[in-house]
C-alpha atoms as a PDB file:
ATOM      1  CA  UNK A   1      37.772 -42.563 -49.231  1.00  0.00           C
ATOM      2  CA  UNK A   2      36.401 -42.892 -45.650  1.00  0.00           C
ATOM      3  CA  UNK A   3      34.600 -45.992 -46.186  1.00  0.00           C
ATOM      4  CA  UNK A   4      37.217 -47.762 -48.449  1.00  0.00           C
ATOM      5  CA  UNK A   5      36.719 -48.255 -52.206  1.00  0.00           C
ATOM      6  CA  UNK A   6      35.315 -50.704 -54.272  1.00  0.00           C
ATOM      7  CA  UNK A   7      37.651 -53.210 -56.207  1.00  0.00           C
ATOM      8  CA  UNK A   8      38.455 -51.945 -59.647  1.00  0.00           C
ATOM      9  CA  UNK A   9      38.009 -48.255 -58.759  1.00  0.00           C
ATOM     10  CA  UNK A  10      41.022 -46.114 -58.916  1.00  0.00           C
ATOM     11  CA  UNK A  11      42.175 -44.691 -55.355  1.00  0.00           C
ATOM     12  CA  UNK A  12      41.453 -40.992 -55.284  1.00  0.00           C
ATOM     13  CA  UNK A  13      44.736 -40.409 -53.718  1.00  0.00           C
ATOM     14  CA  UNK A  14      46.621 -41.878 -56.916  1.00  0.00           C
ATOM     15  CA  UNK A  15      48.592 -39.166 -58.652  1.00  0.00           C
ATOM     16  CA  UNK A  16      48.842 -39.136 -62.297  1.00  0.00           C
ATOM     17  CA  UNK A  17      52.251 -40.633 -62.072  1.00  0.00           C
ATOM     18  CA  UNK A  18      50.870 -43.514 -60.048  1.00  0.00           C
ATOM     19  CA  UNK A  19      52.437 -42.333 -56.833  1.00  0.00           C
ATOM     20  CA  UNK A  20      50.303 -42.496 -53.619  1.00  0.00           C
ATOM     21  CA  UNK A  21      49.598 -38.701 -52.633  1.00  0.00           C
ATOM     22  CA  UNK A  22      49.352 -39.623 -48.744  1.00  0.00           C
ATOM     23  CA  UNK A  23      52.538 -41.773 -48.698  1.00  0.00           C
ATOM     24  CA  UNK A  24      54.492 -41.037 -45.337  1.00  0.00           C
ATOM     25  CA  UNK A  25      51.298 -39.163 -44.302  1.00  0.00           C
ATOM     26  CA  UNK A  26      49.811 -40.447 -41.275  1.00  0.00           C
ATOM     27  CA  UNK A  27      46.130 -40.125 -42.873  1.00  0.00           C
ATOM     28  CA  UNK A  28      47.387 -42.970 -45.042  1.00  0.00           C
ATOM     29  CA  UNK A  29      44.787 -45.766 -44.411  1.00  0.00           C
ATOM     30  CA  UNK A  30      46.477 -48.590 -42.395  1.00  0.00           C
ATOM     31  CA  UNK A  31      45.708 -51.168 -44.988  1.00  0.00           C
ATOM     32  CA  UNK A  32      47.800 -49.286 -47.632  1.00  0.00           C
ATOM     33  CA  UNK A  33      50.510 -48.893 -45.170  1.00  0.00           C
ATOM     34  CA  UNK A  34      50.696 -52.489 -44.481  1.00  0.00           C
ATOM     35  CA  UNK A  35      50.776 -53.482 -48.109  1.00  0.00           C
ATOM     36  CA  UNK A  36      54.140 -54.799 -48.711  1.00  0.00           C
ATOM     37  CA  UNK A  37      55.262 -54.806 -52.463  1.00  0.00           C
ATOM     38  CA  UNK A  38      57.096 -57.813 -53.687  1.00  0.00           C
ATOM     39  CA  UNK A  39      58.783 -58.393 -56.871  1.00  0.00           C
ATOM     40  CA  UNK A  40      55.821 -60.779 -57.876  1.00  0.00           C
ATOM     41  CA  UNK A  41      53.239 -58.202 -57.163  1.00  0.00           C
ATOM     42  CA  UNK A  42      55.223 -55.553 -59.123  1.00  0.00           C
ATOM     43  CA  UNK A  43      55.572 -57.837 -62.025  1.00  0.00           C
ATOM     44  CA  UNK A  44      57.282 -56.782 -65.364  1.00  0.00           C
ATOM     45  CA  UNK A  45      55.431 -53.426 -65.858  1.00  0.00           C
ATOM     46  CA  UNK A  46      53.124 -51.097 -64.382  1.00  0.00           C
ATOM     47  CA  UNK A  47      50.191 -52.264 -66.375  1.00  0.00           C
ATOM     48  CA  UNK A  48      51.094 -55.954 -64.908  1.00  0.00           C
ATOM     49  CA  UNK A  49      51.289 -54.778 -61.575  1.00  0.00           C
ATOM     50  CA  UNK A  50      47.964 -52.691 -61.798  1.00  0.00           C
ATOM     51  CA  UNK A  51      46.257 -55.992 -63.247  1.00  0.00           C
ATOM     52  CA  UNK A  52      47.690 -58.056 -60.330  1.00  0.00           C
ATOM     53  CA  UNK A  53      46.360 -55.553 -57.599  1.00  0.00           C
ATOM     54  CA  UNK A  54      42.990 -55.583 -59.403  1.00  0.00           C
ATOM     55  CA  UNK A  55      43.041 -59.255 -59.042  1.00  0.00           C
ATOM     56  CA  UNK A  56      44.005 -59.002 -55.422  1.00  0.00           C
ATOM     57  CA  UNK A  57      41.211 -56.573 -54.622  1.00  0.00           C
ATOM     58  CA  UNK A  58      38.480 -58.907 -56.288  1.00  0.00           C
ATOM     59  CA  UNK A  59      39.806 -61.955 -54.309  1.00  0.00           C
ATOM     60  CA  UNK A  60      39.641 -60.153 -50.913  1.00  0.00           C
ATOM     61  CA  UNK A  61      36.357 -58.363 -51.599  1.00  0.00           C
ATOM     62  CA  UNK A  62      33.678 -59.158 -48.816  1.00  0.00           C
END
């Protein structure tokens, strides 16, 4: 997504198993590479983690 992505829109590089298709690839956007997961961000389940990421996107939207 050359111009980034709007909050709440699934990343085009997110695989069906929720892994990043560009992980370790130099084409991976700097913002993604700089994101450092923490236990609080990962939460107790994938659903909770995705909810937290959506909140973070909304809070940091321009």
